[in-house]
Amino acid sequence: VNVLALNLALDRMAARRFGAFDLIMCRNVMIYFDDTMKAQVLTTFADQLAPDGSLFIGHSETIRPGTTPFTSMPISHAFCYRKSA
């Protein structure tokens, strides 16, 4: 398992050096971002996820349907989004 930690505001291009990810976990971080930064981070995540990759976010965070290339996945006690094909 490879783990990568980045500064989401500053390292938008850094993750590309590591290829595509099957899973990104970003829990209770985006609640501190304004809408512009949140959109940038979600775009970066979408670019970095492998096809059918999954994004887990915190319970206090939301992704509005139709605003990103993610589809909500029904998982009990978690918020998971799958990258749309």
PDB file of N, CA and C in Angstrom:
ATOM      1  N   VAL A   1       0.844  -1.164   0.000  1.00  0.00           N
ATOM      2  CA  VAL A   1       0.000   0.000   0.000  1.00  0.00           C
ATOM      3  C   VAL A   1       0.893   1.232   0.000  1.00  0.00           C
ATOM      4  N   ASN A   2       0.677   2.106  -0.952  1.00  0.00           N
ATOM      5  CA  ASN A   2       1.393   3.376  -0.992  1.00  0.00           C
ATOM      6  C   ASN A   2       0.512   4.457  -0.403  1.00  0.00           C
ATOM      7  N   VAL A   3       1.079   5.281   0.450  1.00  0.00           N
ATOM      8  CA  VAL A   3       0.351   6.374   1.076  1.00  0.00           C
ATOM      9  C   VAL A   3       1.050   7.669   0.690  1.00  0.00           C
ATOM     10  N   LEU A   4       0.263   8.655   0.328  1.00  0.00           N
ATOM     11  CA  LEU A   4       0.805   9.938  -0.075  1.00  0.00           C
ATOM     12  C   LEU A   4       0.052  11.036   0.659  1.00  0.00           C
ATOM     13  N   ALA A   5       0.767  11.942   1.291  1.00  0.00           N
ATOM     14  CA  ALA A   5       0.145  13.089   1.961  1.00  0.00           C
ATOM     15  C   ALA A   5       0.621  14.351   1.259  1.00  0.00           C
ATOM     16  N   LEU A   6      -0.325  15.213   0.902  1.00  0.00           N
ATOM     17  CA  LEU A   6       0.000  16.434   0.180  1.00  0.00           C
ATOM     18  C   LEU A   6      -0.670  17.633   0.818  1.00  0.00           C
ATOM     19  N   ASN A   7      -0.101  18.798   0.595  1.00  0.00           N
ATOM     20  CA  ASN A   7      -0.758  20.048   0.931  1.00  0.00           C
ATOM     21  C   ASN A   7      -1.731  20.319  -0.206  1.00  0.00           C
ATOM     22  N   LEU A   8      -3.017  20.214   0.040  1.00  0.00           N
ATOM     23  CA  LEU A   8      -4.025  20.299  -1.017  1.00  0.00           C
ATOM     24  C   LEU A   8      -4.071  21.664  -1.682  1.00  0.00           C
ATOM     25  N   ALA A   9      -3.652  22.692  -0.986  1.00  0.00           N
ATOM     26  CA  ALA A   9      -3.675  24.041  -1.560  1.00  0.00           C
ATOM     27  C   ALA A   9      -2.441  24.310  -2.414  1.00  0.00           C
ATOM     28  N   LEU A  10      -1.342  23.662  -2.113  1.00  0.00           N
ATOM     29  CA  LEU A  10      -0.083  23.994  -2.783  1.00  0.00           C
ATOM     30  C   LEU A  10       0.435  22.923  -3.732  1.00  0.00           C
ATOM     31  N   ASP A  11       0.092  21.669  -3.508  1.00  0.00           N
ATOM     32  CA  ASP A  11       0.687  20.565  -4.258  1.00  0.00           C
ATOM     33  C   ASP A  11      -0.254  19.958  -5.289  1.00  0.00           C
ATOM     34  N   ARG A  12      -1.013  20.781  -5.990  1.00  0.00           N
ATOM     35  CA  ARG A  12      -2.021  20.264  -6.921  1.00  0.00           C
ATOM     36  C   ARG A  12      -1.405  19.395  -8.004  1.00  0.00           C
ATOM     37  N   MET A  13      -0.194  19.670  -8.423  1.00  0.00           N
ATOM     38  CA  MET A  13       0.434  18.912  -9.497  1.00  0.00           C
ATOM     39  C   MET A  13       1.336  17.787  -8.975  1.00  0.00           C
ATOM     40  N   ALA A  14       1.698  17.825  -7.720  1.00  0.00           N
ATOM     41  CA  ALA A  14       2.670  16.874  -7.172  1.00  0.00           C
ATOM     42  C   ALA A  14       2.195  15.429  -7.252  1.00  0.00           C
ATOM     43  N   ALA A  15       0.922  15.187  -7.022  1.00  0.00           N
ATOM     44  CA  ALA A  15       0.416  13.813  -7.002  1.00  0.00           C
ATOM     45  C   ALA A  15       0.530  13.137  -8.358  1.00  0.00           C
ATOM     46  N   ARG A  16       0.556  13.890  -9.432  1.00  0.00           N
ATOM     47  CA  ARG A  16       0.628  13.301 -10.772  1.00  0.00           C
ATOM     48  C   ARG A  16       1.884  12.468 -10.969  1.00  0.00           C
ATOM     49  N   ARG A  17       2.927  12.767 -10.242  1.00  0.00           N
ATOM     50  CA  ARG A  17       4.166  11.988 -10.350  1.00  0.00           C
ATOM     51  C   ARG A  17       3.991  10.555  -9.875  1.00  0.00           C
ATOM     52  N   PHE A  18       2.943  10.293  -9.096  1.00  0.00           N
ATOM     53  CA  PHE A  18       2.752   8.982  -8.504  1.00  0.00           C
ATOM     54  C   PHE A  18       1.717   8.139  -9.236  1.00  0.00           C
ATOM     55  N   GLY A  19       1.175   8.639 -10.332  1.00  0.00           N
ATOM     56  CA  GLY A  19       0.188   7.882 -11.097  1.00  0.00           C
ATOM     57  C   GLY A  19      -1.202   7.987 -10.503  1.00  0.00           C
ATOM     58  N   ALA A  20      -2.070   7.089 -10.947  1.00  0.00           N
ATOM     59  CA  ALA A  20      -3.475   7.109 -10.527  1.00  0.00           C
ATOM     60  C   ALA A  20      -3.656   6.357  -9.207  1.00  0.00           C
ATOM     61  N   PHE A  21      -4.621   6.825  -8.429  1.00  0.00           N
ATOM     62  CA  PHE A  21      -4.934   6.212  -7.145  1.00  0.00           C
ATOM     63  C   PHE A  21      -6.270   5.476  -7.227  1.00  0.00           C
ATOM     64  N   ASP A  22      -6.359   4.340  -6.557  1.00  0.00           N
ATOM     65  CA  ASP A  22      -7.617   3.602  -6.475  1.00  0.00           C
ATOM     66  C   ASP A  22      -8.513   4.175  -5.385  1.00  0.00           C
ATOM     67  N   LEU A  23      -7.912   4.793  -4.385  1.00  0.00           N
ATOM     68  CA  LEU A  23      -8.652   5.291  -3.232  1.00  0.00           C
ATOM     69  C   LEU A  23      -8.022   6.592  -2.738  1.00  0.00           C
ATOM     70  N   ILE A  24      -8.864   7.580  -2.490  1.00  0.00           N
ATOM     71  CA  ILE A  24      -8.432   8.812  -1.834  1.00  0.00           C
ATOM     72  C   ILE A  24      -9.337   9.006  -0.623  1.00  0.00           C
ATOM     73  N   MET A  25      -8.714   9.238   0.525  1.00  0.00           N
ATOM     74  CA  MET A  25      -9.468   9.514   1.750  1.00  0.00           C
ATOM     75  C   MET A  25      -9.139  10.935   2.180  1.00  0.00           C
ATOM     76  N   CYS A  26     -10.164  11.753   2.215  1.00  0.00           N
ATOM     77  CA  CYS A  26     -10.010  13.153   2.604  1.00  0.00           C
ATOM     78  C   CYS A  26     -11.155  13.472   3.556  1.00  0.00           C
ATOM     79  N   ARG A  27     -10.946  13.177   4.806  1.00  0.00           N
ATOM     80  CA  ARG A  27     -12.024  13.280   5.791  1.00  0.00           C
ATOM     81  C   ARG A  27     -11.862  14.524   6.652  1.00  0.00           C
ATOM     82  N   ASN A  28     -12.953  15.306   6.675  1.00  0.00           N
ATOM     83  CA  ASN A  28     -13.045  16.482   7.538  1.00  0.00           C
ATOM     84  C   ASN A  28     -11.937  17.498   7.273  1.00  0.00           C
ATOM     85  N   VAL A  29     -11.628  17.686   6.006  1.00  0.00           N
ATOM     86  CA  VAL A  29     -10.640  18.671   5.588  1.00  0.00           C
ATOM     87  C   VAL A  29     -11.311  19.779   4.786  1.00  0.00           C
ATOM     88  N   MET A  30     -12.165  19.398   3.844  1.00  0.00           N
ATOM     89  CA  MET A  30     -12.754  20.380   2.935  1.00  0.00           C
ATOM     90  C   MET A  30     -13.737  21.328   3.615  1.00  0.00           C
ATOM     91  N   ILE A  31     -14.139  21.022   4.837  1.00  0.00           N
ATOM     92  CA  ILE A  31     -15.038  21.931   5.557  1.00  0.00           C
ATOM     93  C   ILE A  31     -14.358  23.269   5.846  1.00  0.00           C
ATOM     94  N   TYR A  32     -13.040  23.299   5.765  1.00  0.00           N
ATOM     95  CA  TYR A  32     -12.286  24.519   6.020  1.00  0.00           C
ATOM     96  C   TYR A  32     -12.021  25.331   4.757  1.00  0.00           C
ATOM     97  N   PHE A  33     -12.414  24.810   3.592  1.00  0.00           N
ATOM     98  CA  PHE A  33     -12.150  25.474   2.316  1.00  0.00           C
ATOM     99  C   PHE A  33     -13.355  26.268   1.850  1.00  0.00           C
ATOM    100  N   ASP A  34     -13.091  27.361   1.130  1.00  0.00           N
ATOM    101  CA  ASP A  34     -14.188  28.065   0.474  1.00  0.00           C
ATOM    102  C   ASP A  34     -14.598  27.262  -0.767  1.00  0.00           C
ATOM    103  N   ASP A  35     -15.693  27.658  -1.406  1.00  0.00           N
ATOM    104  CA  ASP A  35     -16.221  26.889  -2.536  1.00  0.00           C
ATOM    105  C   ASP A  35     -15.224  26.774  -3.683  1.00  0.00           C
ATOM    106  N   THR A  36     -14.448  27.818  -3.935  1.00  0.00           N
ATOM    107  CA  THR A  36     -13.468  27.792  -5.024  1.00  0.00           C
ATOM    108  C   THR A  36     -12.378  26.766  -4.756  1.00  0.00           C
ATOM    109  N   MET A  37     -11.833  26.785  -3.557  1.00  0.00           N
ATOM    110  CA  MET A  37     -10.774  25.834  -3.205  1.00  0.00           C
ATOM    111  C   MET A  37     -11.311  24.416  -3.183  1.00  0.00           C
ATOM    112  N   LYS A  38     -12.518  24.235  -2.653  1.00  0.00           N
ATOM    113  CA  LYS A  38     -13.124  22.906  -2.618  1.00  0.00           C
ATOM    114  C   LYS A  38     -13.283  22.362  -4.044  1.00  0.00           C
ATOM    115  N   ALA A  39     -13.714  23.191  -4.972  1.00  0.00           N
ATOM    116  CA  ALA A  39     -13.870  22.765  -6.365  1.00  0.00           C
ATOM    117  C   ALA A  39     -12.525  22.383  -6.973  1.00  0.00           C
ATOM    118  N   GLN A  40     -11.479  23.144  -6.659  1.00  0.00           N
ATOM    119  CA  GLN A  40     -10.143  22.826  -7.168  1.00  0.00           C
ATOM    120  C   GLN A  40      -9.650  21.490  -6.631  1.00  0.00           C
ATOM    121  N   VAL A  41      -9.856  21.266  -5.343  1.00  0.00           N
ATOM    122  CA  VAL A  41      -9.423  20.011  -4.720  1.00  0.00           C
ATOM    123  C   VAL A  41     -10.182  18.831  -5.316  1.00  0.00           C
ATOM    124  N   LEU A  42     -11.488  18.970  -5.493  1.00  0.00           N
ATOM    125  CA  LEU A  42     -12.273  17.879  -6.071  1.00  0.00           C
ATOM    126  C   LEU A  42     -11.872  17.599  -7.512  1.00  0.00           C
ATOM    127  N   THR A  43     -11.521  18.628  -8.255  1.00  0.00           N
ATOM    128  CA  THR A  43     -11.028  18.429  -9.625  1.00  0.00           C
ATOM    129  C   THR A  43      -9.702  17.678  -9.609  1.00  0.00           C
ATOM    130  N   THR A  44      -8.820  18.051  -8.698  1.00  0.00           N
ATOM    131  CA  THR A  44      -7.543  17.344  -8.562  1.00  0.00           C
ATOM    132  C   THR A  44      -7.773  15.885  -8.202  1.00  0.00           C
ATOM    133  N   PHE A  45      -8.680  15.624  -7.255  1.00  0.00           N
ATOM    134  CA  PHE A  45      -8.986  14.245  -6.890  1.00  0.00           C
ATOM    135  C   PHE A  45      -9.513  13.464  -8.090  1.00  0.00           C
ATOM    136  N   ALA A  46     -10.407  14.056  -8.840  1.00  0.00           N
ATOM    137  CA  ALA A  46     -10.970  13.375 -10.011  1.00  0.00           C
ATOM    138  C   ALA A  46      -9.873  13.065 -11.028  1.00  0.00           C
ATOM    139  N   ASP A  47      -8.949  14.000 -11.211  1.00  0.00           N
ATOM    140  CA  ASP A  47      -7.836  13.772 -12.138  1.00  0.00           C
ATOM    141  C   ASP A  47      -6.925  12.655 -11.655  1.00  0.00           C
ATOM    142  N   GLN A  48      -6.775  12.531 -10.361  1.00  0.00           N
ATOM    143  CA  GLN A  48      -5.837  11.560  -9.793  1.00  0.00           C
ATOM    144  C   GLN A  48      -6.412  10.171  -9.576  1.00  0.00           C
ATOM    145  N   LEU A  49      -7.731  10.045  -9.536  1.00  0.00           N
ATOM    146  CA  LEU A  49      -8.327   8.733  -9.309  1.00  0.00           C
ATOM    147  C   LEU A  49      -8.284   7.881 -10.575  1.00  0.00           C
ATOM    148  N   ALA A  50      -8.019   6.616 -10.376  1.00  0.00           N
ATOM    149  CA  ALA A  50      -8.099   5.651 -11.470  1.00  0.00           C
ATOM    150  C   ALA A  50      -9.562   5.518 -11.888  1.00  0.00           C
ATOM    151  N   PRO A  51      -9.809   5.013 -13.091  1.00  0.00           N
ATOM    152  CA  PRO A  51     -11.206   4.758 -13.467  1.00  0.00           C
ATOM    153  C   PRO A  51     -11.878   3.889 -12.401  1.00  0.00           C
ATOM    154  N   ASP A  52     -13.062   4.260 -12.006  1.00  0.00           N
ATOM    155  CA  ASP A  52     -13.803   3.593 -10.936  1.00  0.00           C
ATOM    156  C   ASP A  52     -13.126   3.704  -9.576  1.00  0.00           C
ATOM    157  N   GLY A  53     -12.212   4.666  -9.413  1.00  0.00           N
ATOM    158  CA  GLY A  53     -11.594   4.907  -8.117  1.00  0.00           C
ATOM    159  C   GLY A  53     -12.606   5.485  -7.147  1.00  0.00           C
ATOM    160  N   SER A  54     -12.297   5.416  -5.846  1.00  0.00           N
ATOM    161  CA  SER A  54     -13.237   5.858  -4.814  1.00  0.00           C
ATOM    162  C   SER A  54     -12.657   7.000  -3.985  1.00  0.00           C
ATOM    163  N   LEU A  55     -13.528   7.921  -3.606  1.00  0.00           N
ATOM    164  CA  LEU A  55     -13.191   9.044  -2.751  1.00  0.00           C
ATOM    165  C   LEU A  55     -14.046   8.959  -1.493  1.00  0.00           C
ATOM    166  N   PHE A  56     -13.407   8.920  -0.336  1.00  0.00           N
ATOM    167  CA  PHE A  56     -14.120   8.949   0.935  1.00  0.00           C
ATOM    168  C   PHE A  56     -13.934  10.324   1.563  1.00  0.00           C
ATOM    169  N   ILE A  57     -15.049  10.928   1.990  1.00  0.00           N
ATOM    170  CA  ILE A  57     -15.002  12.230   2.643  1.00  0.00           C
ATOM    171  C   ILE A  57     -15.669  12.121   4.009  1.00  0.00           C
ATOM    172  N   GLY A  58     -15.511  13.156   4.805  1.00  0.00           N
ATOM    173  CA  GLY A  58     -16.071  13.160   6.152  1.00  0.00           C
ATOM    174  C   GLY A  58     -17.572  13.350   6.173  1.00  0.00           C
ATOM    175  N   HIS A  59     -18.183  13.017   7.301  1.00  0.00           N
ATOM    176  CA  HIS A  59     -19.641  13.080   7.442  1.00  0.00           C
ATOM    177  C   HIS A  59     -20.178  14.507   7.355  1.00  0.00           C
ATOM    178  N   SER A  60     -19.344  15.492   7.638  1.00  0.00           N
ATOM    179  CA  SER A  60     -19.801  16.884   7.594  1.00  0.00           C
ATOM    180  C   SER A  60     -19.561  17.540   6.235  1.00  0.00           C
ATOM    181  N   GLU A  61     -19.041  16.784   5.285  1.00  0.00           N
ATOM    182  CA  GLU A  61     -18.741  17.317   3.958  1.00  0.00           C
ATOM    183  C   GLU A  61     -19.736  16.780   2.937  1.00  0.00           C
ATOM    184  N   THR A  62     -19.955  17.555   1.908  1.00  0.00           N
ATOM    185  CA  THR A  62     -20.878  17.132   0.857  1.00  0.00           C
ATOM    186  C   THR A  62     -20.302  17.466  -0.509  1.00  0.00           C
ATOM    187  N   ILE A  63     -20.775  16.717  -1.483  1.00  0.00           N
ATOM    188  CA  ILE A  63     -20.484  17.001  -2.884  1.00  0.00           C
ATOM    189  C   ILE A  63     -21.831  17.116  -3.575  1.00  0.00           C
ATOM    190  N   ARG A  64     -22.089  18.275  -4.130  1.00  0.00           N
ATOM    191  CA  ARG A  64     -23.371  18.478  -4.800  1.00  0.00           C
ATOM    192  C   ARG A  64     -23.433  17.678  -6.085  1.00  0.00           C
ATOM    193  N   PRO A  65     -24.507  16.912  -6.298  1.00  0.00           N
ATOM    194  CA  PRO A  65     -24.654  16.117  -7.520  1.00  0.00           C
ATOM    195  C   PRO A  65     -24.574  17.005  -8.758  1.00  0.00           C
ATOM    196  N   GLY A  66     -23.889  16.527  -9.770  1.00  0.00           N
ATOM    197  CA  GLY A  66     -23.791  17.242 -11.027  1.00  0.00           C
ATOM    198  C   GLY A  66     -22.705  18.301 -11.081  1.00  0.00           C
ATOM    199  N   THR A  67     -22.007  18.550  -9.963  1.00  0.00           N
ATOM    200  CA  THR A  67     -20.970  19.576  -9.956  1.00  0.00           C
ATOM    201  C   THR A  67     -19.569  18.990 -10.124  1.00  0.00           C
ATOM    202  N   THR A  68     -19.448  17.688  -9.994  1.00  0.00           N
ATOM    203  CA  THR A  68     -18.154  17.016 -10.118  1.00  0.00           C
ATOM    204  C   THR A  68     -18.365  15.669 -10.819  1.00  0.00           C
ATOM    205  N   PRO A  69     -17.296  15.060 -11.288  1.00  0.00           N
ATOM    206  CA  PRO A  69     -17.432  13.752 -11.939  1.00  0.00           C
ATOM    207  C   PRO A  69     -17.469  12.593 -10.944  1.00  0.00           C
ATOM    208  N   PHE A  70     -18.246  12.739  -9.874  1.00  0.00           N
ATOM    209  CA  PHE A  70     -18.367  11.690  -8.871  1.00  0.00           C
ATOM    210  C   PHE A  70     -19.818  11.265  -8.729  1.00  0.00           C
ATOM    211  N   THR A  71     -19.998   9.998  -8.435  1.00  0.00           N
ATOM    212  CA  THR A  71     -21.314   9.439  -8.183  1.00  0.00           C
ATOM    213  C   THR A  71     -21.331   8.899  -6.761  1.00  0.00           C
ATOM    214  N   SER A  72     -22.373   9.227  -6.017  1.00  0.00           N
ATOM    215  CA  SER A  72     -22.495   8.765  -4.640  1.00  0.00           C
ATOM    216  C   SER A  72     -22.652   7.249  -4.602  1.00  0.00           C
ATOM    217  N   MET A  73     -21.951   6.623  -3.668  1.00  0.00           N
ATOM    218  CA  MET A  73     -22.032   5.168  -3.485  1.00  0.00           C
ATOM    219  C   MET A  73     -22.688   4.874  -2.143  1.00  0.00           C
ATOM    220  N   PRO A  74     -23.697   4.019  -2.129  1.00  0.00           N
ATOM    221  CA  PRO A  74     -24.372   3.709  -0.863  1.00  0.00           C
ATOM    222  C   PRO A  74     -23.541   2.774   0.021  1.00  0.00           C
ATOM    223  N   ILE A  75     -22.908   3.349   1.026  1.00  0.00           N
ATOM    224  CA  ILE A  75     -22.123   2.579   1.989  1.00  0.00           C
ATOM    225  C   ILE A  75     -22.575   3.002   3.378  1.00  0.00           C
ATOM    226  N   SER A  76     -22.861   2.066   4.207  1.00  0.00           N
ATOM    227  CA  SER A  76     -23.343   2.358   5.550  1.00  0.00           C
ATOM    228  C   SER A  76     -22.263   3.055   6.378  1.00  0.00           C
ATOM    229  N   HIS A  77     -22.641   4.127   7.066  1.00  0.00           N
ATOM    230  CA  HIS A  77     -21.786   4.869   7.995  1.00  0.00           C
ATOM    231  C   HIS A  77     -20.590   5.547   7.329  1.00  0.00           C
ATOM    232  N   ALA A  78     -20.686   5.837   6.029  1.00  0.00           N
ATOM    233  CA  ALA A  78     -19.586   6.514   5.340  1.00  0.00           C
ATOM    234  C   ALA A  78     -20.126   7.290   4.155  1.00  0.00           C
ATOM    235  N   PHE A  79     -19.352   8.251   3.701  1.00  0.00           N
ATOM    236  CA  PHE A  79     -19.682   8.989   2.495  1.00  0.00           C
ATOM    237  C   PHE A  79     -18.627   8.645   1.454  1.00  0.00           C
ATOM    238  N   CYS A  80     -19.040   7.872   0.476  1.00  0.00           N
ATOM    239  CA  CYS A  80     -18.127   7.420  -0.556  1.00  0.00           C
ATOM    240  C   CYS A  80     -18.664   7.858  -1.910  1.00  0.00           C
ATOM    241  N   TYR A  81     -17.759   8.295  -2.761  1.00  0.00           N
ATOM    242  CA  TYR A  81     -18.104   8.694  -4.123  1.00  0.00           C
ATOM    243  C   TYR A  81     -17.212   7.945  -5.084  1.00  0.00           C
ATOM    244  N   ARG A  82     -17.777   7.463  -6.133  1.00  0.00           N
ATOM    245  CA  ARG A  82     -17.023   6.748  -7.157  1.00  0.00           C
ATOM    246  C   ARG A  82     -16.831   7.681  -8.329  1.00  0.00           C
ATOM    247  N   LYS A  83     -15.645   7.626  -8.925  1.00  0.00           N
ATOM    248  CA  LYS A  83     -15.375   8.435 -10.106  1.00  0.00           C
ATOM    249  C   LYS A  83     -16.239   7.916 -11.250  1.00  0.00           C
ATOM    250  N   SER A  84     -16.984   8.814 -11.869  1.00  0.00           N
ATOM    251  CA  SER A  84     -17.842   8.431 -12.982  1.00  0.00           C
ATOM    252  C   SER A  84     -16.993   8.127 -14.200  1.00  0.00           C
ATOM    253  N   ALA A  85     -17.431   7.151 -14.942  1.00  0.00           N
ATOM    254  CA  ALA A  85     -16.665   6.756 -16.148  1.00  0.00           C
ATOM    255  C   ALA A  85     -16.873   7.728 -17.268  1.00  0.00           C
TER     256      ALA A  85
END
